[in-house]
Amino acid sequence: MITGLLLAAGASRRFGPEDKLLAEYRGMPLVLHMARALRQLTRDTIAVTSNERVADLLAPSGYRIIRIAAGQPQSESLKAGLAALGTPTRNILITLGDMPALTRKDLARVAEGTAPACACAGSDDPIMPPVLIAPQDIAALREVTGDQGAGRLLRHRPDLRRVILPAAHLRDIDFLADLME
């Protein structure tokens, strides 16, 4: 069993004045695509958000909601989610709310097997979320700063398991035009 951690507190600076996670994408708010895929994989889920409306969308699905102040770097969102875990005893699957093309099957492929693991489009490509973190790596992850996530911790790990997924599934939404693709 794993715990799912959905990071959904970004500032959406490149997207425009509205929170991109609330933008409609394929018939529903963007954040619900990842939220539903993660909930299909695990019932133990935490979401970190700075937007009350995002929290209201996720809470009925059973997410434990952690709120942080708006405008925080990604590392603060990550730390808030990790703090909510207390002392974890199982692997943590970290996902981002702006990656709507990832499926439950994609998430399961990253979550199965040993941690640490990450998604990537090719064996030499950069580390992408989702990432699977083992409990013993949480302390180091709590030290990440700035607009960085688990990639900094995992980048040099010789035991990192890379799960190759279709590049189209790893696409995130940063700009309004990305919703049209």
C-alpha atoms as a PDB file:
ATOM      1  CA  MET A   1       0.000   0.000   0.000  1.00  0.00           C
ATOM      2  CA  ILE A   2       1.136   3.537  -0.735  1.00  0.00           C
ATOM      3  CA  THR A   3       0.124   7.041   0.241  1.00  0.00           C
ATOM      4  CA  GLY A   4      -0.673   9.480  -2.551  1.00  0.00           C
ATOM      5  CA  LEU A   5       0.471  13.089  -2.253  1.00  0.00           C
ATOM      6  CA  LEU A   6      -1.102  15.525  -4.727  1.00  0.00           C
ATOM      7  CA  LEU A   7       0.666  18.894  -4.959  1.00  0.00           C
ATOM      8  CA  ALA A   8      -1.927  21.420  -6.113  1.00  0.00           C
ATOM      9  CA  ALA A   9      -0.778  24.747  -4.676  1.00  0.00           C
ATOM     10  CA  GLY A  10       1.107  26.337  -7.567  1.00  0.00           C
ATOM     11  CA  ALA A  11       0.761  30.013  -8.373  1.00  0.00           C
ATOM     12  CA  SER A  12      -0.117  29.465 -12.081  1.00  0.00           C
ATOM     13  CA  ARG A  13       2.011  32.523 -12.964  1.00  0.00           C
ATOM     14  CA  ARG A  14       2.516  31.523 -16.604  1.00  0.00           C
ATOM     15  CA  PHE A  15      -1.114  30.543 -17.101  1.00  0.00           C
ATOM     16  CA  GLY A  16      -2.718  33.900 -16.469  1.00  0.00           C
ATOM     17  CA  PRO A  17      -4.800  35.527 -13.742  1.00  0.00           C
ATOM     18  CA  GLU A  18      -6.905  32.444 -12.954  1.00  0.00           C
ATOM     19  CA  ASP A  19      -5.794  29.304 -11.126  1.00  0.00           C
ATOM     20  CA  LYS A  20      -5.077  26.814 -13.904  1.00  0.00           C
ATOM     21  CA  LEU A  21      -6.173  23.903 -11.730  1.00  0.00           C
ATOM     22  CA  LEU A  22      -9.741  25.191 -11.953  1.00  0.00           C
ATOM     23  CA  ALA A  23      -9.677  25.639 -15.739  1.00  0.00           C
ATOM     24  CA  GLU A  24     -11.932  23.269 -17.631  1.00  0.00           C
ATOM     25  CA  TYR A  25     -10.059  20.517 -19.443  1.00  0.00           C
ATOM     26  CA  ARG A  26     -11.941  17.764 -21.232  1.00  0.00           C
ATOM     27  CA  GLY A  27     -15.156  18.431 -19.380  1.00  0.00           C
ATOM     28  CA  MET A  28     -13.958  18.979 -15.824  1.00  0.00           C
ATOM     29  CA  PRO A  29     -11.548  21.103 -13.782  1.00  0.00           C
ATOM     30  CA  LEU A  30      -7.928  20.307 -14.608  1.00  0.00           C
ATOM     31  CA  VAL A  31      -6.982  19.189 -11.093  1.00  0.00           C
ATOM     32  CA  LEU A  32      -9.688  16.508 -11.030  1.00  0.00           C
ATOM     33  CA  HIS A  33      -7.971  14.467 -13.750  1.00  0.00           C
ATOM     34  CA  MET A  34      -4.937  13.700 -11.578  1.00  0.00           C
ATOM     35  CA  ALA A  35      -6.970  13.619  -8.383  1.00  0.00           C
ATOM     36  CA  ARG A  36      -9.236  10.890  -9.732  1.00  0.00           C
ATOM     37  CA  ALA A  37      -6.387   8.812 -11.173  1.00  0.00           C
ATOM     38  CA  LEU A  38      -4.557   8.932  -7.835  1.00  0.00           C
ATOM     39  CA  ARG A  39      -7.692   8.065  -5.853  1.00  0.00           C
ATOM     40  CA  GLN A  40      -8.273   5.062  -8.109  1.00  0.00           C
ATOM     41  CA  LEU A  41      -4.830   3.805  -7.119  1.00  0.00           C
ATOM     42  CA  THR A  42      -4.883   4.463  -3.371  1.00  0.00           C
ATOM     43  CA  ARG A  43      -7.442   5.484  -0.781  1.00  0.00           C
ATOM     44  CA  ASP A  44      -4.836   7.162   1.438  1.00  0.00           C
ATOM     45  CA  THR A  45      -4.432  10.530  -0.254  1.00  0.00           C
ATOM     46  CA  ILE A  46      -3.321  13.993   0.779  1.00  0.00           C
ATOM     47  CA  ALA A  47      -3.698  17.147  -1.303  1.00  0.00           C
ATOM     48  CA  VAL A  48      -1.786  20.361  -0.671  1.00  0.00           C
ATOM     49  CA  THR A  49      -3.428  23.491  -2.026  1.00  0.00           C
ATOM     50  CA  SER A  50      -3.519  27.232  -1.548  1.00  0.00           C
ATOM     51  CA  ASN A  51      -6.891  27.673  -3.237  1.00  0.00           C
ATOM     52  CA  GLU A  52     -10.135  27.186  -1.306  1.00  0.00           C
ATOM     53  CA  ARG A  53     -12.025  26.233  -4.475  1.00  0.00           C
ATOM     54  CA  VAL A  54      -9.483  23.504  -5.282  1.00  0.00           C
ATOM     55  CA  ALA A  55      -9.831  22.222  -1.715  1.00  0.00           C
ATOM     56  CA  ASP A  56     -13.613  22.181  -2.110  1.00  0.00           C
ATOM     57  CA  LEU A  57     -13.287  20.083  -5.295  1.00  0.00           C
ATOM     58  CA  LEU A  58     -10.973  17.524  -3.699  1.00  0.00           C
ATOM     59  CA  ALA A  59     -12.428  17.127  -0.211  1.00  0.00           C
ATOM     60  CA  PRO A  60     -15.554  15.151  -1.261  1.00  0.00           C
ATOM     61  CA  SER A  61     -13.277  12.539  -2.848  1.00  0.00           C
ATOM     62  CA  GLY A  62     -11.745  11.719   0.511  1.00  0.00           C
ATOM     63  CA  TYR A  63      -8.534  13.689   0.217  1.00  0.00           C
ATOM     64  CA  ARG A  64      -6.998  14.997   3.420  1.00  0.00           C
ATOM     65  CA  ILE A  65      -6.591  18.667   2.562  1.00  0.00           C
ATOM     66  CA  ILE A  66      -3.548  20.661   3.654  1.00  0.00           C
ATOM     67  CA  ARG A  67      -3.700  24.386   2.996  1.00  0.00           C
ATOM     68  CA  ILE A  68      -0.674  26.613   2.551  1.00  0.00           C
ATOM     69  CA  ALA A  69      -0.351  30.306   1.777  1.00  0.00           C
ATOM     70  CA  ALA A  70      -0.537  31.274  -1.893  1.00  0.00           C
ATOM     71  CA  GLY A  71       2.667  32.001  -3.770  1.00  0.00           C
ATOM     72  CA  GLN A  72       4.884  29.508  -1.948  1.00  0.00           C
ATOM     73  CA  PRO A  73       7.615  27.659  -3.882  1.00  0.00           C
ATOM     74  CA  GLN A  74       7.079  23.999  -4.745  1.00  0.00           C
ATOM     75  CA  SER A  75       9.335  22.867  -1.908  1.00  0.00           C
ATOM     76  CA  GLU A  76       6.963  24.422   0.662  1.00  0.00           C
ATOM     77  CA  SER A  77       4.019  22.560  -0.829  1.00  0.00           C
ATOM     78  CA  LEU A  78       6.015  19.347  -0.681  1.00  0.00           C
ATOM     79  CA  LYS A  79       7.113  19.952   2.911  1.00  0.00           C
ATOM     80  CA  ALA A  80       3.540  20.676   4.005  1.00  0.00           C
ATOM     81  CA  GLY A  81       2.370  17.400   2.518  1.00  0.00           C
ATOM     82  CA  LEU A  82       5.214  15.467   4.093  1.00  0.00           C
ATOM     83  CA  ALA A  83       4.515  17.063   7.472  1.00  0.00           C
ATOM     84  CA  ALA A  84       0.941  15.806   7.246  1.00  0.00           C
ATOM     85  CA  LEU A  85       2.287  12.268   6.903  1.00  0.00           C
ATOM     86  CA  GLY A  86       3.977  12.328  10.296  1.00  0.00           C
ATOM     87  CA  THR A  87       6.387   9.404  10.350  1.00  0.00           C
ATOM     88  CA  PRO A  88       5.545   7.457   7.183  1.00  0.00           C
ATOM     89  CA  THR A  89       5.822   3.685   7.159  1.00  0.00           C
ATOM     90  CA  ARG A  90       5.093   3.134   3.481  1.00  0.00           C
ATOM     91  CA  ASN A  91       6.058   4.534   0.113  1.00  0.00           C
ATOM     92  CA  ILE A  92       4.753   7.933  -0.978  1.00  0.00           C
ATOM     93  CA  LEU A  93       3.645   8.588  -4.568  1.00  0.00           C
ATOM     94  CA  ILE A  94       4.037  12.310  -5.298  1.00  0.00           C
ATOM     95  CA  THR A  95       2.011  13.766  -8.161  1.00  0.00           C
ATOM     96  CA  LEU A  96       1.235  17.227  -9.535  1.00  0.00           C
ATOM     97  CA  GLY A  97      -2.240  18.602 -10.146  1.00  0.00           C
ATOM     98  CA  ASP A  98      -1.420  19.986 -13.605  1.00  0.00           C
ATOM     99  CA  MET A  99      -0.615  16.686 -15.358  1.00  0.00           C
ATOM    100  CA  PRO A 100      -4.045  15.580 -16.617  1.00  0.00           C
ATOM    101  CA  ALA A 101      -2.921  12.936 -19.119  1.00  0.00           C
ATOM    102  CA  LEU A 102      -1.394  10.591 -16.541  1.00  0.00           C
ATOM    103  CA  THR A 103      -3.604   7.576 -15.987  1.00  0.00           C
ATOM    104  CA  ARG A 104      -4.142   5.235 -13.084  1.00  0.00           C
ATOM    105  CA  LYS A 105      -2.132   2.661 -15.052  1.00  0.00           C
ATOM    106  CA  ASP A 106       0.768   5.109 -15.413  1.00  0.00           C
ATOM    107  CA  LEU A 107       0.708   5.851 -11.698  1.00  0.00           C
ATOM    108  CA  ALA A 108       0.562   2.130 -10.880  1.00  0.00           C
ATOM    109  CA  ARG A 109       3.631   1.463 -13.007  1.00  0.00           C
ATOM    110  CA  VAL A 110       5.623   4.029 -11.026  1.00  0.00           C
ATOM    111  CA  ALA A 111       4.186   2.832  -7.701  1.00  0.00           C
ATOM    112  CA  GLU A 112       4.830  -0.869  -8.231  1.00  0.00           C
ATOM    113  CA  GLY A 113       8.201  -2.237  -7.285  1.00  0.00           C
ATOM    114  CA  THR A 114      10.939  -0.525  -5.369  1.00  0.00           C
ATOM    115  CA  ALA A 115      11.422   3.102  -4.443  1.00  0.00           C
ATOM    116  CA  PRO A 116      12.901   5.426  -5.411  1.00  0.00           C
ATOM    117  CA  ALA A 117      11.231   5.566  -8.799  1.00  0.00           C
ATOM    118  CA  CYS A 118      10.317   8.295 -11.243  1.00  0.00           C
ATOM    119  CA  ALA A 119       8.545   8.741 -14.522  1.00  0.00           C
ATOM    120  CA  CYS A 120      10.424   9.808 -17.641  1.00  0.00           C
ATOM    121  CA  ALA A 121       9.864   9.753 -21.377  1.00  0.00           C
ATOM    122  CA  GLY A 122      13.188   8.060 -22.124  1.00  0.00           C
ATOM    123  CA  SER A 123      16.080   6.492 -20.215  1.00  0.00           C
ATOM    124  CA  ASP A 124      18.214   9.646 -20.456  1.00  0.00           C
ATOM    125  CA  ASP A 125      15.398  12.150 -19.999  1.00  0.00           C
ATOM    126  CA  PRO A 126      14.934  14.290 -16.900  1.00  0.00           C
ATOM    127  CA  ILE A 127      13.185  13.006 -13.818  1.00  0.00           C
ATOM    128  CA  MET A 128       9.479  13.761 -13.990  1.00  0.00           C
ATOM    129  CA  PRO A 129       6.621  13.324 -11.565  1.00  0.00           C
ATOM    130  CA  PRO A 130       5.090  11.147 -10.490  1.00  0.00           C
ATOM    131  CA  VAL A 131       7.842   9.965  -8.182  1.00  0.00           C
ATOM    132  CA  LEU A 132       7.815   7.190  -5.618  1.00  0.00           C
ATOM    133  CA  ILE A 133       9.696   7.865  -2.411  1.00  0.00           C
ATOM    134  CA  ALA A 134      10.555   5.367   0.311  1.00  0.00           C
ATOM    135  CA  PRO A 135       9.982   6.269   3.975  1.00  0.00           C
ATOM    136  CA  GLN A 136      13.723   6.403   4.645  1.00  0.00           C
ATOM    137  CA  ASP A 137      14.098   9.185   2.032  1.00  0.00           C
ATOM    138  CA  ILE A 138      11.515  11.507   3.575  1.00  0.00           C
ATOM    139  CA  ALA A 139      13.965  13.251   5.919  1.00  0.00           C
ATOM    140  CA  ALA A 140      16.198  14.269   3.003  1.00  0.00           C
ATOM    141  CA  LEU A 141      13.185  15.378   0.987  1.00  0.00           C
ATOM    142  CA  ARG A 142      12.136  17.683   3.812  1.00  0.00           C
ATOM    143  CA  GLU A 143      15.399  19.607   3.238  1.00  0.00           C
ATOM    144  CA  VAL A 144      14.607  20.588  -0.374  1.00  0.00           C
ATOM    145  CA  THR A 145      14.266  24.344  -0.873  1.00  0.00           C
ATOM    146  CA  GLY A 146      13.001  26.757  -3.531  1.00  0.00           C
ATOM    147  CA  ASP A 147      10.985  25.777  -6.562  1.00  0.00           C
ATOM    148  CA  GLN A 148      12.249  22.201  -6.556  1.00  0.00           C
ATOM    149  CA  GLY A 149      10.772  18.881  -5.691  1.00  0.00           C
ATOM    150  CA  ALA A 150      12.009  15.323  -5.356  1.00  0.00           C
ATOM    151  CA  GLY A 151      14.047  15.464  -8.581  1.00  0.00           C
ATOM    152  CA  ARG A 152      16.928  17.130  -6.796  1.00  0.00           C
ATOM    153  CA  LEU A 153      17.071  14.314  -4.265  1.00  0.00           C
ATOM    154  CA  LEU A 154      16.733  11.535  -6.845  1.00  0.00           C
ATOM    155  CA  ARG A 155      18.925  12.866  -9.647  1.00  0.00           C
ATOM    156  CA  HIS A 156      22.120  11.170  -8.461  1.00  0.00           C
ATOM    157  CA  ARG A 157      20.678   8.032  -6.927  1.00  0.00           C
ATOM    158  CA  PRO A 158      22.230   4.935  -8.524  1.00  0.00           C
ATOM    159  CA  ASP A 159      19.232   2.872  -7.368  1.00  0.00           C
ATOM    160  CA  LEU A 160      16.672   5.134  -9.062  1.00  0.00           C
ATOM    161  CA  ARG A 161      14.159   3.091 -11.051  1.00  0.00           C
ATOM    162  CA  ARG A 162      13.080   4.983 -14.175  1.00  0.00           C
ATOM    163  CA  VAL A 163       9.642   4.130 -15.529  1.00  0.00           C
ATOM    164  CA  ILE A 164       9.326   5.117 -19.163  1.00  0.00           C
ATOM    165  CA  LEU A 165       5.890   6.494 -20.000  1.00  0.00           C
ATOM    166  CA  PRO A 166       4.596   8.089 -23.198  1.00  0.00           C
ATOM    167  CA  ALA A 167       5.806  11.698 -23.450  1.00  0.00           C
ATOM    168  CA  ALA A 168       2.231  12.841 -24.095  1.00  0.00           C
ATOM    169  CA  HIS A 169       1.200  11.469 -20.682  1.00  0.00           C
ATOM    170  CA  LEU A 170       3.913  13.493 -18.928  1.00  0.00           C
ATOM    171  CA  ARG A 171       2.801  16.824 -20.357  1.00  0.00           C
ATOM    172  CA  ASP A 172       1.841  19.436 -17.827  1.00  0.00           C
ATOM    173  CA  ILE A 173      -0.344  22.462 -18.326  1.00  0.00           C
ATOM    174  CA  ASP A 174       1.564  25.726 -17.903  1.00  0.00           C
ATOM    175  CA  PHE A 175      -0.073  28.085 -20.394  1.00  0.00           C
ATOM    176  CA  LEU A 176      -3.668  28.671 -21.439  1.00  0.00           C
ATOM    177  CA  ALA A 177      -2.796  27.396 -24.935  1.00  0.00           C
ATOM    178  CA  ASP A 178      -1.754  24.039 -23.419  1.00  0.00           C
ATOM    179  CA  LEU A 179      -5.429  23.318 -22.733  1.00  0.00           C
ATOM    180  CA  MET A 180      -6.073  23.216 -26.472  1.00  0.00           C
ATOM    181  CA  GLU A 181      -3.578  20.434 -27.219  1.00  0.00           C
END
